[in-house]
């Protein structure tokens, strides 16, 4: 897969994953990346979802994903920057491979369901 296609597909996959997770969260009493306000309920300046009694504290989830890109040149073939998924197995060939690892980092806020005491 070419690098530009990989970047585009990665961003689309992140957005799709967030939207699907938001739908599931809404059905189960949670919120992902909610619109929030700052409330001074404690000295930690905790962010809360909702402005009523029982407002839920918002937590941050950090994602850090390693991505390996690979460029290869087979004898008589063409080279280019490609992104591969991990596959087990092997095959011998006359191939020169250059790999680099990049990271995709992003964060989401989540308000988990709470229960009344």
PDB file of N, CA and C in Angstrom:
ATOM      1  N   UNK A   1       0.856  -1.164   0.000  1.00  0.00           N
ATOM      2  CA  UNK A   1       0.000   0.000   0.000  1.00  0.00           C
ATOM      3  C   UNK A   1       0.904   1.230   0.000  1.00  0.00           C
ATOM      4  N   UNK A   2       0.615   2.178  -0.826  1.00  0.00           N
ATOM      5  CA  UNK A   2       1.387   3.407  -0.890  1.00  0.00           C
ATOM      6  C   UNK A   2       1.158   4.242   0.366  1.00  0.00           C
ATOM      7  N   UNK A   3       2.159   5.040   0.744  1.00  0.00           N
ATOM      8  CA  UNK A   3       2.118   5.800   1.986  1.00  0.00           C
ATOM      9  C   UNK A   3       0.933   6.757   2.052  1.00  0.00           C
ATOM     10  N   UNK A   4       0.635   7.468   0.961  1.00  0.00           N
ATOM     11  CA  UNK A   4      -0.482   8.422   0.984  1.00  0.00           C
ATOM     12  C   UNK A   4      -1.816   7.709   1.190  1.00  0.00           C
ATOM     13  N   UNK A   5      -1.968   6.549   0.590  1.00  0.00           N
ATOM     14  CA  UNK A   5      -3.190   5.758   0.768  1.00  0.00           C
ATOM     15  C   UNK A   5      -3.265   5.255   2.207  1.00  0.00           C
ATOM     16  N   UNK A   6      -2.112   4.833   2.748  1.00  0.00           N
ATOM     17  CA  UNK A   6      -2.075   4.368   4.131  1.00  0.00           C
ATOM     18  C   UNK A   6      -2.501   5.472   5.097  1.00  0.00           C
ATOM     19  N   UNK A   7      -1.962   6.678   4.930  1.00  0.00           N
ATOM     20  CA  UNK A   7      -2.310   7.796   5.814  1.00  0.00           C
ATOM     21  C   UNK A   7      -3.800   8.089   5.726  1.00  0.00           C
ATOM     22  N   UNK A   8      -4.326   8.159   4.512  1.00  0.00           N
ATOM     23  CA  UNK A   8      -5.751   8.426   4.320  1.00  0.00           C
ATOM     24  C   UNK A   8      -6.600   7.334   4.972  1.00  0.00           C
ATOM     25  N   UNK A   9      -6.256   6.081   4.728  1.00  0.00           N
ATOM     26  CA  UNK A   9      -7.017   4.964   5.301  1.00  0.00           C
ATOM     27  C   UNK A   9      -6.907   4.926   6.821  1.00  0.00           C
ATOM     28  N   UNK A  10      -5.730   5.271   7.363  1.00  0.00           N
ATOM     29  CA  UNK A  10      -5.547   5.292   8.812  1.00  0.00           C
ATOM     30  C   UNK A  10      -6.461   6.320   9.454  1.00  0.00           C
ATOM     31  N   UNK A  11      -6.483   7.543   8.903  1.00  0.00           N
ATOM     32  CA  UNK A  11      -7.343   8.592   9.456  1.00  0.00           C
ATOM     33  C   UNK A  11      -8.812   8.212   9.345  1.00  0.00           C
ATOM     34  N   UNK A  12      -9.205   7.635   8.216  1.00  0.00           N
ATOM     35  CA  UNK A  12     -10.597   7.196   8.048  1.00  0.00           C
ATOM     36  C   UNK A  12     -10.942   6.101   9.050  1.00  0.00           C
ATOM     37  N   UNK A  13     -10.005   5.176   9.275  1.00  0.00           N
ATOM     38  CA  UNK A  13     -10.245   4.085  10.221  1.00  0.00           C
ATOM     39  C   UNK A  13     -10.372   4.605  11.646  1.00  0.00           C
ATOM     40  N   UNK A  14      -9.537   5.585  12.010  1.00  0.00           N
ATOM     41  CA  UNK A  14      -9.628   6.167  13.349  1.00  0.00           C
ATOM     42  C   UNK A  14     -10.984   6.826  13.534  1.00  0.00           C
ATOM     43  N   UNK A  15     -11.407   7.632  12.554  1.00  0.00           N
ATOM     44  CA  UNK A  15     -12.699   8.320  12.636  1.00  0.00           C
ATOM     45  C   UNK A  15     -13.839   7.313  12.705  1.00  0.00           C
ATOM     46  N   UNK A  16     -13.788   6.280  11.852  1.00  0.00           N
ATOM     47  CA  UNK A  16     -14.839   5.257  11.847  1.00  0.00           C
ATOM     48  C   UNK A  16     -14.877   4.516  13.186  1.00  0.00           C
ATOM     49  N   UNK A  17     -13.710   4.178  13.714  1.00  0.00           N
ATOM     50  CA  UNK A  17     -13.647   3.487  14.997  1.00  0.00           C
ATOM     51  C   UNK A  17     -14.217   4.328  16.127  1.00  0.00           C
ATOM     52  N   UNK A  18     -13.927   5.623  16.105  1.00  0.00           N
ATOM     53  CA  UNK A  18     -14.465   6.519  17.132  1.00  0.00           C
ATOM     54  C   UNK A  18     -15.979   6.604  17.014  1.00  0.00           C
ATOM     55  N   UNK A  19     -16.492   6.787  15.789  1.00  0.00           N
ATOM     56  CA  UNK A  19     -17.946   6.888  15.594  1.00  0.00           C
ATOM     57  C   UNK A  19     -18.652   5.613  16.051  1.00  0.00           C
ATOM     58  N   UNK A  20     -18.123   4.442  15.679  1.00  0.00           N
ATOM     59  CA  UNK A  20     -18.737   3.181  16.091  1.00  0.00           C
ATOM     60  C   UNK A  20     -18.681   3.022  17.610  1.00  0.00           C
ATOM     61  N   UNK A  21     -17.566   3.432  18.214  1.00  0.00           N
ATOM     62  CA  UNK A  21     -17.438   3.355  19.667  1.00  0.00           C
ATOM     63  C   UNK A  21     -18.394   4.318  20.352  1.00  0.00           C
ATOM     64  N   UNK A  22     -18.598   5.502  19.769  1.00  0.00           N
ATOM     65  CA  UNK A  22     -19.538   6.464  20.343  1.00  0.00           C
ATOM     66  C   UNK A  22     -20.954   5.904  20.341  1.00  0.00           C
ATOM     67  N   UNK A  23     -21.349   5.264  19.252  1.00  0.00           N
ATOM     68  CA  UNK A  23     -22.688   4.668  19.188  1.00  0.00           C
ATOM     69  C   UNK A  23     -22.856   3.603  20.270  1.00  0.00           C
ATOM     70  N   UNK A  24     -21.871   2.715  20.406  1.00  0.00           N
ATOM     71  CA  UNK A  24     -21.922   1.671  21.426  1.00  0.00           C
ATOM     72  C   UNK A  24     -21.947   2.288  22.824  1.00  0.00           C
ATOM     73  N   UNK A  25     -21.100   3.291  23.038  1.00  0.00           N
ATOM     74  CA  UNK A  25     -21.039   3.944  24.349  1.00  0.00           C
ATOM     75  C   UNK A  25     -22.374   4.588  24.704  1.00  0.00           C
ATOM     76  N   UNK A  26     -22.989   5.287  23.747  1.00  0.00           N
ATOM     77  CA  UNK A  26     -24.281   5.933  23.998  1.00  0.00           C
ATOM     78  C   UNK A  26     -25.340   4.913  24.400  1.00  0.00           C
ATOM     79  N   UNK A  27     -25.337   3.746  23.749  1.00  0.00           N
ATOM     80  CA  UNK A  27     -26.303   2.694  24.064  1.00  0.00           C
ATOM     81  C   UNK A  27     -26.076   2.106  25.458  1.00  0.00           C
ATOM     82  N   UNK A  28     -24.857   2.287  25.991  1.00  0.00           N
ATOM     83  CA  UNK A  28     -24.501   1.679  27.271  1.00  0.00           C
ATOM     84  C   UNK A  28     -24.180   2.703  28.359  1.00  0.00           C
ATOM     85  N   UNK A  29     -24.666   3.918  28.188  1.00  0.00           N
ATOM     86  CA  UNK A  29     -24.542   4.923  29.235  1.00  0.00           C
ATOM     87  C   UNK A  29     -23.191   5.582  29.385  1.00  0.00           C
ATOM     88  N   UNK A  30     -22.350   5.509  28.370  1.00  0.00           N
ATOM     89  CA  UNK A  30     -21.039   6.159  28.408  1.00  0.00           C
ATOM     90  C   UNK A  30     -20.967   7.192  27.286  1.00  0.00           C
ATOM     91  N   UNK A  31     -19.954   8.025  27.299  1.00  0.00           N
ATOM     92  CA  UNK A  31     -19.736   9.003  26.235  1.00  0.00           C
ATOM     93  C   UNK A  31     -18.269   8.981  25.861  1.00  0.00           C
ATOM     94  N   UNK A  32     -17.996   8.983  24.564  1.00  0.00           N
ATOM     95  CA  UNK A  32     -16.628   9.050  24.074  1.00  0.00           C
ATOM     96  C   UNK A  32     -16.422  10.409  23.427  1.00  0.00           C
ATOM     97  N   UNK A  33     -15.371  11.077  23.858  1.00  0.00           N
ATOM     98  CA  UNK A  33     -15.025  12.423  23.420  1.00  0.00           C
ATOM     99  C   UNK A  33     -16.205  13.385  23.595  1.00  0.00           C
ATOM    100  N   UNK A  34     -16.772  13.459  24.815  1.00  0.00           N
ATOM    101  CA  UNK A  34     -17.961  14.281  25.041  1.00  0.00           C
ATOM    102  C   UNK A  34     -17.638  15.768  25.088  1.00  0.00           C
ATOM    103  N   UNK A  35     -18.637  16.579  24.809  1.00  0.00           N
ATOM    104  CA  UNK A  35     -18.549  18.020  25.017  1.00  0.00           C
ATOM    105  C   UNK A  35     -18.604  18.223  26.526  1.00  0.00           C
ATOM    106  N   UNK A  36     -17.606  18.880  27.085  1.00  0.00           N
ATOM    107  CA  UNK A  36     -17.507  18.964  28.543  1.00  0.00           C
ATOM    108  C   UNK A  36     -17.333  20.396  29.009  1.00  0.00           C
ATOM    109  N   UNK A  37     -17.535  20.587  30.301  1.00  0.00           N
ATOM    110  CA  UNK A  37     -17.264  21.855  30.954  1.00  0.00           C
ATOM    111  C   UNK A  37     -16.345  21.622  32.133  1.00  0.00           C
ATOM    112  N   UNK A  38     -15.615  22.647  32.534  1.00  0.00           N
ATOM    113  CA  UNK A  38     -14.725  22.532  33.699  1.00  0.00           C
ATOM    114  C   UNK A  38     -15.517  22.847  34.962  1.00  0.00           C
ATOM    115  N   UNK A  39     -15.389  21.978  35.929  1.00  0.00           N
ATOM    116  CA  UNK A  39     -16.043  22.177  37.215  1.00  0.00           C
ATOM    117  C   UNK A  39     -14.990  22.110  38.301  1.00  0.00           C
ATOM    118  N   UNK A  40     -15.063  23.001  39.237  1.00  0.00           N
ATOM    119  CA  UNK A  40     -14.087  23.018  40.315  1.00  0.00           C
ATOM    120  C   UNK A  40     -14.621  22.226  41.506  1.00  0.00           C
ATOM    121  N   UNK A  41     -14.882  20.938  41.300  1.00  0.00           N
ATOM    122  CA  UNK A  41     -15.366  20.094  42.389  1.00  0.00           C
ATOM    123  C   UNK A  41     -14.240  19.697  43.328  1.00  0.00           C
ATOM    124  N   UNK A  42     -13.032  19.720  42.847  1.00  0.00           N
ATOM    125  CA  UNK A  42     -11.898  19.346  43.677  1.00  0.00           C
ATOM    126  C   UNK A  42     -10.681  20.157  43.258  1.00  0.00           C
ATOM    127  N   UNK A  43      -9.613  19.988  43.989  1.00  0.00           N
ATOM    128  CA  UNK A  43      -8.402  20.772  43.724  1.00  0.00           C
ATOM    129  C   UNK A  43      -7.664  20.310  42.478  1.00  0.00           C
ATOM    130  N   UNK A  44      -8.045  19.178  41.910  1.00  0.00           N
ATOM    131  CA  UNK A  44      -7.385  18.656  40.714  1.00  0.00           C
ATOM    132  C   UNK A  44      -7.939  19.243  39.429  1.00  0.00           C
ATOM    133  N   UNK A  45      -8.929  20.124  39.532  1.00  0.00           N
ATOM    134  CA  UNK A  45      -9.568  20.710  38.348  1.00  0.00           C
ATOM    135  C   UNK A  45     -10.055  19.609  37.405  1.00  0.00           C
ATOM    136  N   UNK A  46     -10.726  18.625  37.966  1.00  0.00           N
ATOM    137  CA  UNK A  46     -11.261  17.516  37.187  1.00  0.00           C
ATOM    138  C   UNK A  46     -12.297  18.018  36.194  1.00  0.00           C
ATOM    139  N   UNK A  47     -12.275  17.478  34.994  1.00  0.00           N
ATOM    140  CA  UNK A  47     -13.277  17.796  33.985  1.00  0.00           C
ATOM    141  C   UNK A  47     -14.434  16.821  34.143  1.00  0.00           C
ATOM    142  N   UNK A  48     -15.661  17.338  34.082  1.00  0.00           N
ATOM    143  CA  UNK A  48     -16.847  16.505  34.263  1.00  0.00           C
ATOM    144  C   UNK A  48     -17.767  16.609  33.062  1.00  0.00           C
ATOM    145  N   UNK A  49     -18.467  15.523  32.763  1.00  0.00           N
ATOM    146  CA  UNK A  49     -19.494  15.499  31.724  1.00  0.00           C
ATOM    147  C   UNK A  49     -20.831  15.657  32.416  1.00  0.00           C
ATOM    148  N   UNK A  50     -21.553  16.699  32.071  1.00  0.00           N
ATOM    149  CA  UNK A  50     -22.837  16.982  32.701  1.00  0.00           C
ATOM    150  C   UNK A  50     -22.681  18.061  33.756  1.00  0.00           C
ATOM    151  N   UNK A  51     -23.746  18.803  33.998  1.00  0.00           N
ATOM    152  CA  UNK A  51     -23.657  19.880  34.976  1.00  0.00           C
ATOM    153  C   UNK A  51     -24.624  19.683  36.136  1.00  0.00           C
ATOM    154  N   UNK A  52     -25.078  18.471  36.303  1.00  0.00           N
ATOM    155  CA  UNK A  52     -26.011  18.170  37.382  1.00  0.00           C
ATOM    156  C   UNK A  52     -25.323  17.293  38.421  1.00  0.00           C
ATOM    157  N   UNK A  53     -26.003  17.061  39.518  1.00  0.00           N
ATOM    158  CA  UNK A  53     -25.463  16.158  40.525  1.00  0.00           C
ATOM    159  C   UNK A  53     -25.278  14.784  39.879  1.00  0.00           C
ATOM    160  N   UNK A  54     -24.177  14.148  40.154  1.00  0.00           N
ATOM    161  CA  UNK A  54     -23.893  12.856  39.530  1.00  0.00           C
ATOM    162  C   UNK A  54     -23.138  12.993  38.218  1.00  0.00           C
ATOM    163  N   UNK A  55     -22.644  14.214  37.922  1.00  0.00           N
ATOM    164  CA  UNK A  55     -21.857  14.403  36.701  1.00  0.00           C
ATOM    165  C   UNK A  55     -20.669  13.441  36.724  1.00  0.00           C
ATOM    166  N   UNK A  56     -20.315  12.949  35.543  1.00  0.00           N
ATOM    167  CA  UNK A  56     -19.262  11.942  35.451  1.00  0.00           C
ATOM    168  C   UNK A  56     -17.911  12.571  35.156  1.00  0.00           C
ATOM    169  N   UNK A  57     -16.886  12.100  35.846  1.00  0.00           N
ATOM    170  CA  UNK A  57     -15.524  12.553  35.574  1.00  0.00           C
ATOM    171  C   UNK A  57     -15.106  12.047  34.195  1.00  0.00           C
ATOM    172  N   UNK A  58     -14.370  12.872  33.488  1.00  0.00           N
ATOM    173  CA  UNK A  58     -13.898  12.518  32.154  1.00  0.00           C
ATOM    174  C   UNK A  58     -12.458  12.025  32.258  1.00  0.00           C
ATOM    175  N   UNK A  59     -12.195  10.873  31.671  1.00  0.00           N
ATOM    176  CA  UNK A  59     -10.854  10.292  31.642  1.00  0.00           C
ATOM    177  C   UNK A  59     -10.278  10.440  30.247  1.00  0.00           C
ATOM    178  N   UNK A  60      -8.964  10.446  30.164  1.00  0.00           N
ATOM    179  CA  UNK A  60      -8.297  10.537  28.870  1.00  0.00           C
ATOM    180  C   UNK A  60      -7.667   9.189  28.551  1.00  0.00           C
ATOM    181  N   UNK A  61      -7.881   8.716  27.332  1.00  0.00           N
ATOM    182  CA  UNK A  61      -7.255   7.485  26.860  1.00  0.00           C
ATOM    183  C   UNK A  61      -6.258   7.870  25.778  1.00  0.00           C
ATOM    184  N   UNK A  62      -5.004   7.459  25.952  1.00  0.00           N
ATOM    185  CA  UNK A  62      -3.961   7.745  24.972  1.00  0.00           C
ATOM    186  C   UNK A  62      -3.712   6.511  24.112  1.00  0.00           C
ATOM    187  N   UNK A  63      -3.656   6.715  22.817  1.00  0.00           N
ATOM    188  CA  UNK A  63      -3.322   5.654  21.875  1.00  0.00           C
ATOM    189  C   UNK A  63      -1.935   5.942  21.313  1.00  0.00           C
ATOM    190  N   UNK A  64      -1.106   4.922  21.229  1.00  0.00           N
ATOM    191  CA  UNK A  64       0.235   5.034  20.662  1.00  0.00           C
ATOM    192  C   UNK A  64       0.451   3.778  19.826  1.00  0.00           C
ATOM    193  N   UNK A  65       0.325   3.921  18.518  1.00  0.00           N
ATOM    194  CA  UNK A  65       0.338   2.776  17.609  1.00  0.00           C
ATOM    195  C   UNK A  65       1.608   2.819  16.768  1.00  0.00           C
ATOM    196  N   UNK A  66       2.348   1.727  16.766  1.00  0.00           N
ATOM    197  CA  UNK A  66       3.556   1.633  15.947  1.00  0.00           C
ATOM    198  C   UNK A  66       3.188   1.129  14.557  1.00  0.00           C
ATOM    199  N   UNK A  67       3.739   1.783  13.547  1.00  0.00           N
ATOM    200  CA  UNK A  67       3.474   1.420  12.157  1.00  0.00           C
ATOM    201  C   UNK A  67       4.810   1.182  11.472  1.00  0.00           C
ATOM    202  N   UNK A  68       4.941   0.048  10.830  1.00  0.00           N
ATOM    203  CA  UNK A  68       6.162  -0.260  10.100  1.00  0.00           C
ATOM    204  C   UNK A  68       5.940  -0.015   8.619  1.00  0.00           C
ATOM    205  N   UNK A  69       6.789   0.820   8.031  1.00  0.00           N
ATOM    206  CA  UNK A  69       6.737   1.027   6.584  1.00  0.00           C
ATOM    207  C   UNK A  69       7.935   0.318   5.979  1.00  0.00           C
ATOM    208  N   UNK A  70       7.754  -0.146   4.784  1.00  0.00           N
ATOM    209  CA  UNK A  70       8.791  -0.939   4.153  1.00  0.00           C
ATOM    210  C   UNK A  70       8.907  -0.564   2.690  1.00  0.00           C
ATOM    211  N   UNK A  71      10.140  -0.427   2.235  1.00  0.00           N
ATOM    212  CA  UNK A  71      10.361  -0.259   0.804  1.00  0.00           C
ATOM    213  C   UNK A  71      11.258  -1.408   0.368  1.00  0.00           C
ATOM    214  N   UNK A  72      10.940  -1.985  -0.764  1.00  0.00           N
ATOM    215  CA  UNK A  72      11.726  -3.132  -1.207  1.00  0.00           C
ATOM    216  C   UNK A  72      11.985  -3.038  -2.699  1.00  0.00           C
ATOM    217  N   UNK A  73      13.017  -3.697  -3.102  1.00  0.00           N
ATOM    218  CA  UNK A  73      13.382  -3.753  -4.512  1.00  0.00           C
ATOM    219  C   UNK A  73      13.777  -5.192  -4.814  1.00  0.00           C
ATOM    220  N   UNK A  74      12.948  -5.855  -5.608  1.00  0.00           N
ATOM    221  CA  UNK A  74      13.301  -7.202  -6.043  1.00  0.00           C
ATOM    222  C   UNK A  74      14.136  -7.072  -7.304  1.00  0.00           C
ATOM    223  N   UNK A  75      14.919  -8.078  -7.567  1.00  0.00           N
ATOM    224  CA  UNK A  75      15.722  -8.067  -8.775  1.00  0.00           C
ATOM    225  C   UNK A  75      14.809  -7.892  -9.978  1.00  0.00           C
ATOM    226  N   UNK A  76      15.014  -6.805 -10.722  1.00  0.00           N
ATOM    227  CA  UNK A  76      14.195  -6.540 -11.901  1.00  0.00           C
ATOM    228  C   UNK A  76      12.861  -5.899 -11.584  1.00  0.00           C
ATOM    229  N   UNK A  77      12.591  -5.581 -10.317  1.00  0.00           N
ATOM    230  CA  UNK A  77      11.297  -5.005  -9.943  1.00  0.00           C
ATOM    231  C   UNK A  77      11.402  -3.518  -9.653  1.00  0.00           C
ATOM    232  N   UNK A  78      10.275  -2.924  -9.275  1.00  0.00           N
ATOM    233  CA  UNK A  78      10.235  -1.511  -8.931  1.00  0.00           C
ATOM    234  C   UNK A  78      10.171  -1.359  -7.423  1.00  0.00           C
ATOM    235  N   UNK A  79      10.693  -0.244  -6.922  1.00  0.00           N
ATOM    236  CA  UNK A  79      10.651   0.048  -5.495  1.00  0.00           C
ATOM    237  C   UNK A  79       9.587   1.080  -5.191  1.00  0.00           C
ATOM    238  N   UNK A  80       9.298   1.264  -3.929  1.00  0.00           N
ATOM    239  CA  UNK A  80       8.332   2.258  -3.486  1.00  0.00           C
ATOM    240  C   UNK A  80       8.132   2.122  -1.994  1.00  0.00           C
ATOM    241  N   UNK A  81       7.471   3.087  -1.407  1.00  0.00           N
ATOM    242  CA  UNK A  81       7.185   3.018   0.022  1.00  0.00           C
ATOM    243  C   UNK A  81       5.836   2.347   0.194  1.00  0.00           C
ATOM    244  N   UNK A  82       5.815   1.266   0.934  1.00  0.00           N
ATOM    245  CA  UNK A  82       4.596   0.502   1.162  1.00  0.00           C
ATOM    246  C   UNK A  82       4.423   0.236   2.647  1.00  0.00           C
ATOM    247  N   UNK A  83       3.194  -0.003   3.044  1.00  0.00           N
ATOM    248  CA  UNK A  83       2.879  -0.340   4.422  1.00  0.00           C
ATOM    249  C   UNK A  83       2.288  -1.740   4.426  1.00  0.00           C
ATOM    250  N   UNK A  84       2.821  -2.603   5.275  1.00  0.00           N
ATOM    251  CA  UNK A  84       2.391  -3.997   5.318  1.00  0.00           C
ATOM    252  C   UNK A  84       1.854  -4.339   6.689  1.00  0.00           C
ATOM    253  N   UNK A  85       0.903  -5.254   6.719  1.00  0.00           N
ATOM    254  CA  UNK A  85       0.475  -5.807   8.000  1.00  0.00           C
ATOM    255  C   UNK A  85       1.391  -6.974   8.325  1.00  0.00           C
ATOM    256  N   UNK A  86       1.430  -7.350   9.593  1.00  0.00           N
ATOM    257  CA  UNK A  86       2.285  -8.439  10.030  1.00  0.00           C
ATOM    258  C   UNK A  86       1.725  -9.767   9.556  1.00  0.00           C
ATOM    259  N   UNK A  87       2.564 -10.560   8.911  1.00  0.00           N
ATOM    260  CA  UNK A  87       2.175 -11.895   8.472  1.00  0.00           C
ATOM    261  C   UNK A  87       3.239 -12.870   8.936  1.00  0.00           C
ATOM    262  N   UNK A  88       2.802 -14.046   9.353  1.00  0.00           N
ATOM    263  CA  UNK A  88       3.739 -15.078   9.761  1.00  0.00           C
ATOM    264  C   UNK A  88       4.001 -15.998   8.584  1.00  0.00           C
ATOM    265  N   UNK A  89       5.200 -16.521   8.535  1.00  0.00           N
ATOM    266  CA  UNK A  89       5.571 -17.389   7.428  1.00  0.00           C
ATOM    267  C   UNK A  89       6.786 -16.801   6.740  1.00  0.00           C
ATOM    268  N   UNK A  90       7.241 -17.434   5.718  1.00  0.00           N
ATOM    269  CA  UNK A  90       8.409 -16.913   5.035  1.00  0.00           C
ATOM    270  C   UNK A  90       8.556 -17.473   3.649  1.00  0.00           C
ATOM    271  N   UNK A  91       9.345 -16.766   2.855  1.00  0.00           N
ATOM    272  CA  UNK A  91       9.626 -17.191   1.500  1.00  0.00           C
ATOM    273  C   UNK A  91      10.963 -16.579   1.119  1.00  0.00           C
ATOM    274  N   UNK A  92      11.804 -17.352   0.497  1.00  0.00           N
ATOM    275  CA  UNK A  92      13.105 -16.854   0.092  1.00  0.00           C
ATOM    276  C   UNK A  92      13.011 -16.170  -1.262  1.00  0.00           C
ATOM    277  N   UNK A  93      13.688 -15.029  -1.376  1.00  0.00           N
ATOM    278  CA  UNK A  93      13.788 -14.345  -2.664  1.00  0.00           C
ATOM    279  C   UNK A  93      14.957 -13.381  -2.600  1.00  0.00           C
ATOM    280  N   UNK A  94      15.397 -12.925  -3.758  1.00  0.00           N
ATOM    281  CA  UNK A  94      16.443 -11.914  -3.824  1.00  0.00           C
ATOM    282  C   UNK A  94      15.771 -10.555  -3.725  1.00  0.00           C
ATOM    283  N   UNK A  95      15.736 -10.022  -2.524  1.00  0.00           N
ATOM    284  CA  UNK A  95      14.997  -8.791  -2.283  1.00  0.00           C
ATOM    285  C   UNK A  95      15.753  -7.951  -1.261  1.00  0.00           C
ATOM    286  N   UNK A  96      15.859  -6.657  -1.536  1.00  0.00           N
ATOM    287  CA  UNK A  96      16.439  -5.726  -0.576  1.00  0.00           C
ATOM    288  C   UNK A  96      15.291  -4.980   0.088  1.00  0.00           C
ATOM    289  N   UNK A  97      15.256  -5.003   1.418  1.00  0.00           N
ATOM    290  CA  UNK A  97      14.143  -4.393   2.148  1.00  0.00           C
ATOM    291  C   UNK A  97      14.680  -3.349   3.125  1.00  0.00           C
ATOM    292  N   UNK A  98      14.079  -2.164   3.093  1.00  0.00           N
ATOM    293  CA  UNK A  98      14.356  -1.110   4.065  1.00  0.00           C
ATOM    294  C   UNK A  98      13.072  -0.856   4.837  1.00  0.00           C
ATOM    295  N   UNK A  99      13.166  -0.888   6.162  1.00  0.00           N
ATOM    296  CA  UNK A  99      11.976  -0.687   6.986  1.00  0.00           C
ATOM    297  C   UNK A  99      12.203   0.473   7.946  1.00  0.00           C
ATOM    298  N   UNK A 100      11.126   1.172   8.249  1.00  0.00           N
ATOM    299  CA  UNK A 100      11.165   2.191   9.295  1.00  0.00           C
ATOM    300  C   UNK A 100       9.877   2.093  10.092  1.00  0.00           C
ATOM    301  N   UNK A 101       9.986   2.422  11.363  1.00  0.00           N
ATOM    302  CA  UNK A 101       8.828   2.363  12.249  1.00  0.00           C
ATOM    303  C   UNK A 101       8.417   3.787  12.594  1.00  0.00           C
ATOM    304  N   UNK A 102       7.140   4.092  12.413  1.00  0.00           N
ATOM    305  CA  UNK A 102       6.579   5.389  12.779  1.00  0.00           C
ATOM    306  C   UNK A 102       5.525   5.161  13.848  1.00  0.00           C
ATOM    307  N   UNK A 103       5.132   6.230  14.493  1.00  0.00           N
ATOM    308  CA  UNK A 103       4.120   6.125  15.534  1.00  0.00           C
ATOM    309  C   UNK A 103       2.963   7.051  15.211  1.00  0.00           C
ATOM    310  N   UNK A 104       1.759   6.555  15.483  1.00  0.00           N
ATOM    311  CA  UNK A 104       0.547   7.358  15.383  1.00  0.00           C
ATOM    312  C   UNK A 104       0.054   7.523  16.813  1.00  0.00           C
ATOM    313  N   UNK A 105      -0.009   8.772  17.275  1.00  0.00           N
ATOM    314  CA  UNK A 105      -0.450   9.035  18.643  1.00  0.00           C
ATOM    315  C   UNK A 105      -1.662   9.953  18.613  1.00  0.00           C
ATOM    316  N   UNK A 106      -2.669   9.606  19.408  1.00  0.00           N
ATOM    317  CA  UNK A 106      -3.811  10.482  19.589  1.00  0.00           C
ATOM    318  C   UNK A 106      -4.481  10.144  20.911  1.00  0.00           C
ATOM    319  N   UNK A 107      -5.299  11.066  21.391  1.00  0.00           N
ATOM    320  CA  UNK A 107      -5.985  10.889  22.669  1.00  0.00           C
ATOM    321  C   UNK A 107      -7.470  11.113  22.493  1.00  0.00           C
ATOM    322  N   UNK A 108      -8.251  10.420  23.305  1.00  0.00           N
ATOM    323  CA  UNK A 108      -9.700  10.603  23.345  1.00  0.00           C
ATOM    324  C   UNK A 108     -10.131  10.790  24.790  1.00  0.00           C
ATOM    325  N   UNK A 109     -11.153  11.598  24.978  1.00  0.00           N
ATOM    326  CA  UNK A 109     -11.767  11.727  26.299  1.00  0.00           C
ATOM    327  C   UNK A 109     -12.941  10.769  26.374  1.00  0.00           C
ATOM    328  N   UNK A 110     -13.148  10.191  27.561  1.00  0.00           N
ATOM    329  CA  UNK A 110     -14.260   9.269  27.738  1.00  0.00           C
ATOM    330  C   UNK A 110     -14.902   9.496  29.108  1.00  0.00           C
ATOM    331  N   UNK A 111     -16.217   9.543  29.115  1.00  0.00           N
ATOM    332  CA  UNK A 111     -16.984   9.603  30.360  1.00  0.00           C
ATOM    333  C   UNK A 111     -17.637   8.238  30.522  1.00  0.00           C
ATOM    334  N   UNK A 112     -17.128   7.459  31.452  1.00  0.00           N
ATOM    335  CA  UNK A 112     -17.617   6.097  31.651  1.00  0.00           C
ATOM    336  C   UNK A 112     -18.940   6.110  32.410  1.00  0.00           C
ATOM    337  N   UNK A 113     -19.728   5.040  32.259  1.00  0.00           N
ATOM    338  CA  UNK A 113     -20.992   4.979  32.988  1.00  0.00           C
ATOM    339  C   UNK A 113     -20.739   4.994  34.499  1.00  0.00           C
ATOM    340  N   UNK A 114     -21.660   5.590  35.227  1.00  0.00           N
ATOM    341  CA  UNK A 114     -21.568   5.526  36.677  1.00  0.00           C
ATOM    342  C   UNK A 114     -22.884   5.010  37.235  1.00  0.00           C
ATOM    343  N   UNK A 115     -22.855   4.626  38.480  1.00  0.00           N
ATOM    344  CA  UNK A 115     -24.065   4.112  39.120  1.00  0.00           C
ATOM    345  C   UNK A 115     -24.337   4.919  40.376  1.00  0.00           C
ATOM    346  N   UNK A 116     -25.601   5.018  40.724  1.00  0.00           N
ATOM    347  CA  UNK A 116     -25.962   5.713  41.952  1.00  0.00           C
ATOM    348  C   UNK A 116     -25.688   4.800  43.133  1.00  0.00           C
ATOM    349  N   UNK A 117     -25.209   5.373  44.245  1.00  0.00           N
ATOM    350  CA  UNK A 117     -24.921   4.533  45.419  1.00  0.00           C
ATOM    351  C   UNK A 117     -26.188   3.965  46.029  1.00  0.00           C
TER     352      UNK A 117
END
